[in-house]
Amino acid sequence: MHRLHIKHETFADASVALSHMLAGGADAIVYDQPVLKYLIAQQSRKDLQVLPEILLIENYAFALPEASVLREELNRNLLIELNSSHWQALLQKYFE
């Protein structure tokens, strides 16, 4: 936000920011899309939406030592899970 010269306020977490916005203290929240979608779904707020614009792409990862015996098994299981119908159902449940 600093880089874009946008006036903003920082909060401890997305939940606090959402409460502030709902109380009329802000017009919008900039935060991780999955987290915002989850919070909105948890509160059953049909009047709120997460816009499709992405300001910054952040990838998530598991850090393992380079020679870890867990690396191959973890990668294999992640690929299996990410391609499963169970994973797709979770995505729909929490993020759509």
PDB file of N, CA and C in Angstrom:
ATOM      1  N   MET A   1       0.821  -1.169   0.000  1.00  0.00           N
ATOM      2  CA  MET A   1       0.000   0.000   0.000  1.00  0.00           C
ATOM      3  C   MET A   1       0.881   1.255   0.000  1.00  0.00           C
ATOM      4  N   HIS A   2       1.987   1.184   0.759  1.00  0.00           N
ATOM      5  CA  HIS A   2       2.913   2.324   0.744  1.00  0.00           C
ATOM      6  C   HIS A   2       3.412   2.582  -0.671  1.00  0.00           C
ATOM      7  N   ARG A   3       3.820   1.503  -1.333  1.00  0.00           N
ATOM      8  CA  ARG A   3       4.375   1.604  -2.686  1.00  0.00           C
ATOM      9  C   ARG A   3       3.370   2.210  -3.663  1.00  0.00           C
ATOM     10  N   LEU A   4       2.096   1.908  -3.451  1.00  0.00           N
ATOM     11  CA  LEU A   4       1.044   2.405  -4.340  1.00  0.00           C
ATOM     12  C   LEU A   4       0.490   3.758  -3.887  1.00  0.00           C
ATOM     13  N   HIS A   5       1.032   4.287  -2.797  1.00  0.00           N
ATOM     14  CA  HIS A   5       0.605   5.585  -2.249  1.00  0.00           C
ATOM     15  C   HIS A   5      -0.882   5.585  -1.918  1.00  0.00           C
ATOM     16  N   ILE A   6      -1.322   4.499  -1.326  1.00  0.00           N
ATOM     17  CA  ILE A   6      -2.725   4.375  -0.920  1.00  0.00           C
ATOM     18  C   ILE A   6      -2.798   4.527   0.600  1.00  0.00           C
ATOM     19  N   LYS A   7      -3.646   5.438   1.049  1.00  0.00           N
ATOM     20  CA  LYS A   7      -3.846   5.655   2.482  1.00  0.00           C
ATOM     21  C   LYS A   7      -4.424   4.373   3.074  1.00  0.00           C
ATOM     22  N   HIS A   8      -3.826   3.899   4.164  1.00  0.00           N
ATOM     23  CA  HIS A   8      -4.287   2.660   4.765  1.00  0.00           C
ATOM     24  C   HIS A   8      -4.014   2.631   6.261  1.00  0.00           C
ATOM     25  N   GLU A   9      -4.599   1.653   6.903  1.00  0.00           N
ATOM     26  CA  GLU A   9      -4.416   1.434   8.329  1.00  0.00           C
ATOM     27  C   GLU A   9      -4.075  -0.043   8.511  1.00  0.00           C
ATOM     28  N   THR A  10      -3.193  -0.355   9.436  1.00  0.00           N
ATOM     29  CA  THR A  10      -2.769  -1.737   9.666  1.00  0.00           C
ATOM     30  C   THR A  10      -3.465  -2.303  10.896  1.00  0.00           C
ATOM     31  N   PHE A  11      -3.873  -3.580  10.816  1.00  0.00           N
ATOM     32  CA  PHE A  11      -4.553  -4.248  11.916  1.00  0.00           C
ATOM     33  C   PHE A  11      -3.806  -5.514  12.304  1.00  0.00           C
ATOM     34  N   ALA A  12      -4.113  -6.028  13.490  1.00  0.00           N
ATOM     35  CA  ALA A  12      -3.430  -7.227  14.004  1.00  0.00           C
ATOM     36  C   ALA A  12      -3.667  -8.432  13.112  1.00  0.00           C
ATOM     37  N   ASP A  13      -4.874  -8.565  12.587  1.00  0.00           N
ATOM     38  CA  ASP A  13      -5.190  -9.679  11.690  1.00  0.00           C
ATOM     39  C   ASP A  13      -6.421  -9.329  10.860  1.00  0.00           C
ATOM     40  N   ALA A  14      -6.780 -10.222   9.950  1.00  0.00           N
ATOM     41  CA  ALA A  14      -7.888  -9.963   9.023  1.00  0.00           C
ATOM     42  C   ALA A  14      -9.229  -9.877   9.743  1.00  0.00           C
ATOM     43  N   SER A  15      -9.384 -10.632  10.797  1.00  0.00           N
ATOM     44  CA  SER A  15     -10.635 -10.614  11.553  1.00  0.00           C
ATOM     45  C   SER A  15     -10.881  -9.243  12.175  1.00  0.00           C
ATOM     46  N   VAL A  16      -9.851  -8.661  12.736  1.00  0.00           N
ATOM     47  CA  VAL A  16      -9.959  -7.315  13.322  1.00  0.00           C
ATOM     48  C   VAL A  16     -10.243  -6.291  12.229  1.00  0.00           C
ATOM     49  N   ALA A  17      -9.572  -6.424  11.095  1.00  0.00           N
ATOM     50  CA  ALA A  17      -9.796  -5.506   9.972  1.00  0.00           C
ATOM     51  C   ALA A  17     -11.231  -5.621   9.460  1.00  0.00           C
ATOM     52  N   LEU A  18     -11.750  -6.840   9.378  1.00  0.00           N
ATOM     53  CA  LEU A  18     -13.117  -7.045   8.907  1.00  0.00           C
ATOM     54  C   LEU A  18     -14.112  -6.405   9.880  1.00  0.00           C
ATOM     55  N   SER A  19     -13.914  -6.587  11.162  1.00  0.00           N
ATOM     56  CA  SER A  19     -14.793  -5.964  12.162  1.00  0.00           C
ATOM     57  C   SER A  19     -14.763  -4.448  12.036  1.00  0.00           C
ATOM     58  N   HIS A  20     -13.583  -3.897  11.831  1.00  0.00           N
ATOM     59  CA  HIS A  20     -13.431  -2.447  11.657  1.00  0.00           C
ATOM     60  C   HIS A  20     -14.205  -1.964  10.423  1.00  0.00           C
ATOM     61  N   MET A  21     -14.090  -2.704   9.333  1.00  0.00           N
ATOM     62  CA  MET A  21     -14.798  -2.331   8.112  1.00  0.00           C
ATOM     63  C   MET A  21     -16.316  -2.422   8.307  1.00  0.00           C
ATOM     64  N   LEU A  22     -16.767  -3.491   8.940  1.00  0.00           N
ATOM     65  CA  LEU A  22     -18.206  -3.674   9.155  1.00  0.00           C
ATOM     66  C   LEU A  22     -18.785  -2.609  10.083  1.00  0.00           C
ATOM     67  N   ALA A  23     -17.950  -2.037  10.931  1.00  0.00           N
ATOM     68  CA  ALA A  23     -18.386  -0.959  11.822  1.00  0.00           C
ATOM     69  C   ALA A  23     -18.352   0.395  11.114  1.00  0.00           C
ATOM     70  N   GLY A  24     -17.990   0.395   9.837  1.00  0.00           N
ATOM     71  CA  GLY A  24     -17.967   1.629   9.068  1.00  0.00           C
ATOM     72  C   GLY A  24     -16.639   2.356   9.059  1.00  0.00           C
ATOM     73  N   GLY A  25     -15.597   1.706   9.590  1.00  0.00           N
ATOM     74  CA  GLY A  25     -14.305   2.357   9.683  1.00  0.00           C
ATOM     75  C   GLY A  25     -13.457   2.294   8.427  1.00  0.00           C
ATOM     76  N   ALA A  26     -13.885   1.489   7.450  1.00  0.00           N
ATOM     77  CA  ALA A  26     -13.128   1.362   6.203  1.00  0.00           C
ATOM     78  C   ALA A  26     -14.079   0.934   5.094  1.00  0.00           C
ATOM     79  N   ASP A  27     -13.660   1.210   3.865  1.00  0.00           N
ATOM     80  CA  ASP A  27     -14.466   0.820   2.700  1.00  0.00           C
ATOM     81  C   ASP A  27     -14.079  -0.543   2.154  1.00  0.00           C
ATOM     82  N   ALA A  28     -12.845  -0.982   2.442  1.00  0.00           N
ATOM     83  CA  ALA A  28     -12.357  -2.243   1.877  1.00  0.00           C
ATOM     84  C   ALA A  28     -11.216  -2.778   2.741  1.00  0.00           C
ATOM     85  N   ILE A  29     -10.884  -4.044   2.496  1.00  0.00           N
ATOM     86  CA  ILE A  29      -9.760  -4.703   3.168  1.00  0.00           C
ATOM     87  C   ILE A  29      -8.862  -5.306   2.095  1.00  0.00           C
ATOM     88  N   VAL A  30      -7.579  -5.171   2.271  1.00  0.00           N
ATOM     89  CA  VAL A  30      -6.606  -5.835   1.401  1.00  0.00           C
ATOM     90  C   VAL A  30      -5.928  -6.893   2.265  1.00  0.00           C
ATOM     91  N   TYR A  31      -6.107  -8.159   1.862  1.00  0.00           N
ATOM     92  CA  TYR A  31      -5.550  -9.267   2.640  1.00  0.00           C
ATOM     93  C   TYR A  31      -5.508 -10.504   1.759  1.00  0.00           C
ATOM     94  N   ASP A  32      -5.018 -11.610   2.291  1.00  0.00           N
ATOM     95  CA  ASP A  32      -4.963 -12.862   1.532  1.00  0.00           C
ATOM     96  C   ASP A  32      -6.365 -13.300   1.134  1.00  0.00           C
ATOM     97  N   GLN A  33      -6.557 -13.573  -0.145  1.00  0.00           N
ATOM     98  CA  GLN A  33      -7.867 -13.947  -0.669  1.00  0.00           C
ATOM     99  C   GLN A  33      -8.489 -15.148   0.058  1.00  0.00           C
ATOM    100  N   PRO A  34      -7.759 -16.247   0.256  1.00  0.00           N
ATOM    101  CA  PRO A  34      -8.378 -17.394   0.931  1.00  0.00           C
ATOM    102  C   PRO A  34      -8.838 -17.068   2.352  1.00  0.00           C
ATOM    103  N   VAL A  35      -8.070 -16.282   3.062  1.00  0.00           N
ATOM    104  CA  VAL A  35      -8.424 -15.929   4.433  1.00  0.00           C
ATOM    105  C   VAL A  35      -9.691 -15.076   4.452  1.00  0.00           C
ATOM    106  N   LEU A  36      -9.757 -14.076   3.585  1.00  0.00           N
ATOM    107  CA  LEU A  36     -10.954 -13.236   3.532  1.00  0.00           C
ATOM    108  C   LEU A  36     -12.187 -14.032   3.140  1.00  0.00           C
ATOM    109  N   LYS A  37     -12.051 -14.910   2.144  1.00  0.00           N
ATOM    110  CA  LYS A  37     -13.186 -15.731   1.734  1.00  0.00           C
ATOM    111  C   LYS A  37     -13.659 -16.613   2.892  1.00  0.00           C
ATOM    112  N   TYR A  38     -12.724 -17.147   3.629  1.00  0.00           N
ATOM    113  CA  TYR A  38     -13.071 -17.988   4.780  1.00  0.00           C
ATOM    114  C   TYR A  38     -13.812 -17.178   5.839  1.00  0.00           C
ATOM    115  N   LEU A  39     -13.288 -16.015   6.200  1.00  0.00           N
ATOM    116  CA  LEU A  39     -13.928 -15.186   7.223  1.00  0.00           C
ATOM    117  C   LEU A  39     -15.331 -14.767   6.816  1.00  0.00           C
ATOM    118  N   ILE A  40     -15.486 -14.397   5.566  1.00  0.00           N
ATOM    119  CA  ILE A  40     -16.806 -13.987   5.064  1.00  0.00           C
ATOM    120  C   ILE A  40     -17.769 -15.175   5.108  1.00  0.00           C
ATOM    121  N   ALA A  41     -17.312 -16.357   4.721  1.00  0.00           N
ATOM    122  CA  ALA A  41     -18.157 -17.552   4.756  1.00  0.00           C
ATOM    123  C   ALA A  41     -18.533 -17.921   6.185  1.00  0.00           C
ATOM    124  N   GLN A  42     -17.585 -17.797   7.105  1.00  0.00           N
ATOM    125  CA  GLN A  42     -17.845 -18.115   8.511  1.00  0.00           C
ATOM    126  C   GLN A  42     -18.940 -17.226   9.090  1.00  0.00           C
ATOM    127  N   GLN A  43     -18.998 -15.993   8.630  1.00  0.00           N
ATOM    128  CA  GLN A  43     -19.997 -15.047   9.135  1.00  0.00           C
ATOM    129  C   GLN A  43     -21.262 -15.040   8.274  1.00  0.00           C
ATOM    130  N   SER A  44     -21.294 -15.896   7.265  1.00  0.00           N
ATOM    131  CA  SER A  44     -22.441 -15.986   6.347  1.00  0.00           C
ATOM    132  C   SER A  44     -22.834 -14.620   5.798  1.00  0.00           C
ATOM    133  N   ARG A  45     -21.845 -13.844   5.393  1.00  0.00           N
ATOM    134  CA  ARG A  45     -22.090 -12.493   4.882  1.00  0.00           C
ATOM    135  C   ARG A  45     -22.283 -12.542   3.381  1.00  0.00           C
ATOM    136  N   LYS A  46     -23.526 -12.568   2.948  1.00  0.00           N
ATOM    137  CA  LYS A  46     -23.840 -12.583   1.513  1.00  0.00           C
ATOM    138  C   LYS A  46     -23.686 -11.193   0.897  1.00  0.00           C
ATOM    139  N   ASP A  47     -23.582 -10.166   1.744  1.00  0.00           N
ATOM    140  CA  ASP A  47     -23.468  -8.787   1.251  1.00  0.00           C
ATOM    141  C   ASP A  47     -22.016  -8.371   1.003  1.00  0.00           C
ATOM    142  N   LEU A  48     -21.065  -9.254   1.283  1.00  0.00           N
ATOM    143  CA  LEU A  48     -19.649  -8.950   1.068  1.00  0.00           C
ATOM    144  C   LEU A  48     -19.095  -9.824  -0.047  1.00  0.00           C
ATOM    145  N   GLN A  49     -18.122  -9.299  -0.757  1.00  0.00           N
ATOM    146  CA  GLN A  49     -17.469 -10.089  -1.794  1.00  0.00           C
ATOM    147  C   GLN A  49     -15.980  -9.798  -1.832  1.00  0.00           C
ATOM    148  N   VAL A  50     -15.228 -10.794  -2.265  1.00  0.00           N
ATOM    149  CA  VAL A  50     -13.793 -10.638  -2.472  1.00  0.00           C
ATOM    150  C   VAL A  50     -13.607 -10.375  -3.959  1.00  0.00           C
ATOM    151  N   LEU A  51     -12.996  -9.259  -4.273  1.00  0.00           N
ATOM    152  CA  LEU A  51     -12.801  -8.886  -5.676  1.00  0.00           C
ATOM    153  C   LEU A  51     -11.678  -9.724  -6.302  1.00  0.00           C
ATOM    154  N   PRO A  52     -11.718  -9.905  -7.607  1.00  0.00           N
ATOM    155  CA  PRO A  52     -10.742 -10.795  -8.260  1.00  0.00           C
ATOM    156  C   PRO A  52      -9.339 -10.211  -8.420  1.00  0.00           C
ATOM    157  N   GLU A  53      -9.168  -8.924  -8.207  1.00  0.00           N
ATOM    158  CA  GLU A  53      -7.845  -8.318  -8.403  1.00  0.00           C
ATOM    159  C   GLU A  53      -6.840  -8.872  -7.394  1.00  0.00           C
ATOM    160  N   ILE A  54      -5.646  -9.163  -7.884  1.00  0.00           N
ATOM    161  CA  ILE A  54      -4.560  -9.643  -7.028  1.00  0.00           C
ATOM    162  C   ILE A  54      -3.439  -8.617  -7.079  1.00  0.00           C
ATOM    163  N   LEU A  55      -3.092  -8.072  -5.915  1.00  0.00           N
ATOM    164  CA  LEU A  55      -2.038  -7.060  -5.851  1.00  0.00           C
ATOM    165  C   LEU A  55      -0.656  -7.690  -5.763  1.00  0.00           C
ATOM    166  N   LEU A  56      -0.574  -8.839  -5.101  1.00  0.00           N
ATOM    167  CA  LEU A  56       0.715  -9.507  -4.908  1.00  0.00           C
ATOM    168  C   LEU A  56       0.479 -11.007  -4.778  1.00  0.00           C
ATOM    169  N   ILE A  57       1.132 -11.792  -5.606  1.00  0.00           N
ATOM    170  CA  ILE A  57       1.018 -13.250  -5.521  1.00  0.00           C
ATOM    171  C   ILE A  57       2.030 -13.750  -4.504  1.00  0.00           C
ATOM    172  N   GLU A  58       1.546 -14.529  -3.541  1.00  0.00           N
ATOM    173  CA  GLU A  58       2.408 -15.129  -2.531  1.00  0.00           C
ATOM    174  C   GLU A  58       2.227 -16.637  -2.571  1.00  0.00           C
ATOM    175  N   ASN A  59       3.303 -17.343  -2.752  1.00  0.00           N
ATOM    176  CA  ASN A  59       3.256 -18.792  -2.760  1.00  0.00           C
ATOM    177  C   ASN A  59       3.580 -19.316  -1.364  1.00  0.00           C
ATOM    178  N   TYR A  60       2.973 -20.430  -1.027  1.00  0.00           N
ATOM    179  CA  TYR A  60       3.209 -21.054   0.265  1.00  0.00           C
ATOM    180  C   TYR A  60       4.083 -22.282   0.062  1.00  0.00           C
ATOM    181  N   ALA A  61       4.812 -22.674   1.105  1.00  0.00           N
ATOM    182  CA  ALA A  61       5.732 -23.799   0.950  1.00  0.00           C
ATOM    183  C   ALA A  61       5.969 -24.489   2.286  1.00  0.00           C
ATOM    184  N   PHE A  62       6.473 -25.709   2.200  1.00  0.00           N
ATOM    185  CA  PHE A  62       6.959 -26.434   3.356  1.00  0.00           C
ATOM    186  C   PHE A  62       8.474 -26.409   3.275  1.00  0.00           C
ATOM    187  N   ALA A  63       9.127 -26.008   4.331  1.00  0.00           N
ATOM    188  CA  ALA A  63      10.590 -25.981   4.329  1.00  0.00           C
ATOM    189  C   ALA A  63      11.128 -27.283   4.910  1.00  0.00           C
ATOM    190  N   LEU A  64      11.968 -27.936   4.132  1.00  0.00           N
ATOM    191  CA  LEU A  64      12.606 -29.178   4.562  1.00  0.00           C
ATOM    192  C   LEU A  64      14.101 -29.084   4.278  1.00  0.00           C
ATOM    193  N   PRO A  65      14.910 -29.752   5.074  1.00  0.00           N
ATOM    194  CA  PRO A  65      16.330 -29.809   4.736  1.00  0.00           C
ATOM    195  C   PRO A  65      16.493 -30.445   3.356  1.00  0.00           C
ATOM    196  N   GLU A  66      17.498 -30.032   2.633  1.00  0.00           N
ATOM    197  CA  GLU A  66      17.675 -30.499   1.251  1.00  0.00           C
ATOM    198  C   GLU A  66      17.726 -32.020   1.131  1.00  0.00           C
ATOM    199  N   ALA A  67      18.347 -32.669   2.072  1.00  0.00           N
ATOM    200  CA  ALA A  67      18.494 -34.131   1.987  1.00  0.00           C
ATOM    201  C   ALA A  67      17.416 -34.868   2.785  1.00  0.00           C
ATOM    202  N   SER A  68      16.310 -34.221   3.091  1.00  0.00           N
ATOM    203  CA  SER A  68      15.277 -34.831   3.924  1.00  0.00           C
ATOM    204  C   SER A  68      14.659 -36.052   3.255  1.00  0.00           C
ATOM    205  N   VAL A  69      14.488 -37.116   4.042  1.00  0.00           N
ATOM    206  CA  VAL A  69      13.836 -38.324   3.546  1.00  0.00           C
ATOM    207  C   VAL A  69      12.333 -38.102   3.383  1.00  0.00           C
ATOM    208  N   LEU A  70      11.819 -37.024   3.930  1.00  0.00           N
ATOM    209  CA  LEU A  70      10.389 -36.722   3.839  1.00  0.00           C
ATOM    210  C   LEU A  70       9.997 -36.038   2.537  1.00  0.00           C
ATOM    211  N   ARG A  71      10.962 -35.457   1.837  1.00  0.00           N
ATOM    212  CA  ARG A  71      10.670 -34.645   0.655  1.00  0.00           C
ATOM    213  C   ARG A  71       9.866 -35.399  -0.407  1.00  0.00           C
ATOM    214  N   GLU A  72      10.327 -36.558  -0.807  1.00  0.00           N
ATOM    215  CA  GLU A  72       9.658 -37.314  -1.874  1.00  0.00           C
ATOM    216  C   GLU A  72       8.250 -37.727  -1.465  1.00  0.00           C
ATOM    217  N   GLU A  73       8.100 -38.234  -0.246  1.00  0.00           N
ATOM    218  CA  GLU A  73       6.785 -38.659   0.232  1.00  0.00           C
ATOM    219  C   GLU A  73       5.830 -37.469   0.361  1.00  0.00           C
ATOM    220  N   LEU A  74       6.310 -36.362   0.871  1.00  0.00           N
ATOM    221  CA  LEU A  74       5.483 -35.161   0.991  1.00  0.00           C
ATOM    222  C   LEU A  74       5.029 -34.676  -0.382  1.00  0.00           C
ATOM    223  N   ASN A  75       5.936 -34.576  -1.325  1.00  0.00           N
ATOM    224  CA  ASN A  75       5.579 -34.141  -2.681  1.00  0.00           C
ATOM    225  C   ASN A  75       4.550 -35.075  -3.321  1.00  0.00           C
ATOM    226  N   ARG A  76       4.766 -36.348  -3.183  1.00  0.00           N
ATOM    227  CA  ARG A  76       3.856 -37.338  -3.776  1.00  0.00           C
ATOM    228  C   ARG A  76       2.451 -37.195  -3.167  1.00  0.00           C
ATOM    229  N   ASN A  77       2.381 -37.093  -1.848  1.00  0.00           N
ATOM    230  CA  ASN A  77       1.083 -36.978  -1.179  1.00  0.00           C
ATOM    231  C   ASN A  77       0.391 -35.647  -1.450  1.00  0.00           C
ATOM    232  N   LEU A  78       1.159 -34.583  -1.584  1.00  0.00           N
ATOM    233  CA  LEU A  78       0.556 -33.297  -1.953  1.00  0.00           C
ATOM    234  C   LEU A  78      -0.061 -33.363  -3.342  1.00  0.00           C
ATOM    235  N   LEU A  79       0.642 -33.960  -4.291  1.00  0.00           N
ATOM    236  CA  LEU A  79       0.100 -34.103  -5.641  1.00  0.00           C
ATOM    237  C   LEU A  79      -1.177 -34.939  -5.651  1.00  0.00           C
ATOM    238  N   ILE A  80      -1.179 -36.006  -4.893  1.00  0.00           N
ATOM    239  CA  ILE A  80      -2.373 -36.852  -4.814  1.00  0.00           C
ATOM    240  C   ILE A  80      -3.538 -36.059  -4.238  1.00  0.00           C
ATOM    241  N   GLU A  81      -3.302 -35.363  -3.139  1.00  0.00           N
ATOM    242  CA  GLU A  81      -4.376 -34.608  -2.479  1.00  0.00           C
ATOM    243  C   GLU A  81      -4.873 -33.457  -3.344  1.00  0.00           C
ATOM    244  N   LEU A  82      -3.962 -32.711  -3.951  1.00  0.00           N
ATOM    245  CA  LEU A  82      -4.367 -31.560  -4.764  1.00  0.00           C
ATOM    246  C   LEU A  82      -5.172 -31.967  -5.996  1.00  0.00           C
ATOM    247  N   ASN A  83      -5.042 -33.202  -6.428  1.00  0.00           N
ATOM    248  CA  ASN A  83      -5.790 -33.692  -7.578  1.00  0.00           C
ATOM    249  C   ASN A  83      -7.018 -34.509  -7.187  1.00  0.00           C
ATOM    250  N   SER A  84      -7.337 -34.544  -5.908  1.00  0.00           N
ATOM    251  CA  SER A  84      -8.450 -35.369  -5.441  1.00  0.00           C
ATOM    252  C   SER A  84      -9.769 -34.598  -5.435  1.00  0.00           C
ATOM    253  N   SER A  85     -10.855 -35.341  -5.468  1.00  0.00           N
ATOM    254  CA  SER A  85     -12.178 -34.715  -5.362  1.00  0.00           C
ATOM    255  C   SER A  85     -12.376 -34.147  -3.958  1.00  0.00           C
ATOM    256  N   HIS A  86     -11.728 -34.751  -2.974  1.00  0.00           N
ATOM    257  CA  HIS A  86     -11.801 -34.239  -1.597  1.00  0.00           C
ATOM    258  C   HIS A  86     -11.265 -32.812  -1.525  1.00  0.00           C
ATOM    259  N   TRP A  87     -10.124 -32.564  -2.161  1.00  0.00           N
ATOM    260  CA  TRP A  87      -9.530 -31.221  -2.168  1.00  0.00           C
ATOM    261  C   TRP A  87     -10.451 -30.224  -2.864  1.00  0.00           C
ATOM    262  N   GLN A  88     -11.033 -30.621  -3.985  1.00  0.00           N
ATOM    263  CA  GLN A  88     -11.950 -29.751  -4.711  1.00  0.00           C
ATOM    264  C   GLN A  88     -13.169 -29.420  -3.856  1.00  0.00           C
ATOM    265  N   ALA A  89     -13.677 -30.390  -3.116  1.00  0.00           N
ATOM    266  CA  ALA A  89     -14.822 -30.160  -2.227  1.00  0.00           C
ATOM    267  C   ALA A  89     -14.463 -29.184  -1.118  1.00  0.00           C
ATOM    268  N   LEU A  90     -13.246 -29.306  -0.574  1.00  0.00           N
ATOM    269  CA  LEU A  90     -12.806 -28.369   0.464  1.00  0.00           C
ATOM    270  C   LEU A  90     -12.688 -26.950  -0.081  1.00  0.00           C
ATOM    271  N   LEU A  91     -12.151 -26.820  -1.272  1.00  0.00           N
ATOM    272  CA  LEU A  91     -12.040 -25.501  -1.895  1.00  0.00           C
ATOM    273  C   LEU A  91     -13.419 -24.860  -2.064  1.00  0.00           C
ATOM    274  N   GLN A  92     -14.377 -25.648  -2.521  1.00  0.00           N
ATOM    275  CA  GLN A  92     -15.731 -25.119  -2.706  1.00  0.00           C
ATOM    276  C   GLN A  92     -16.362 -24.761  -1.378  1.00  0.00           C
ATOM    277  N   LYS A  93     -16.189 -25.613  -0.382  1.00  0.00           N
ATOM    278  CA  LYS A  93     -16.797 -25.376   0.924  1.00  0.00           C
ATOM    279  C   LYS A  93     -16.300 -24.097   1.580  1.00  0.00           C
ATOM    280  N   TYR A  94     -14.986 -23.866   1.542  1.00  0.00           N
ATOM    281  CA  TYR A  94     -14.409 -22.763   2.280  1.00  0.00           C
ATOM    282  C   TYR A  94     -14.133 -21.494   1.464  1.00  0.00           C
ATOM    283  N   PHE A  95     -14.015 -21.615   0.151  1.00  0.00           N
ATOM    284  CA  PHE A  95     -13.571 -20.457  -0.613  1.00  0.00           C
ATOM    285  C   PHE A  95     -14.494 -20.035  -1.723  1.00  0.00           C
ATOM    286  N   GLU A  96     -15.639 -20.644  -1.882  1.00  0.00           N
ATOM    287  CA  GLU A  96     -16.559 -20.201  -2.943  1.00  0.00           C
ATOM    288  C   GLU A  96     -17.890 -19.827  -2.363  1.00  0.00           C
TER     289      GLU A  96
END
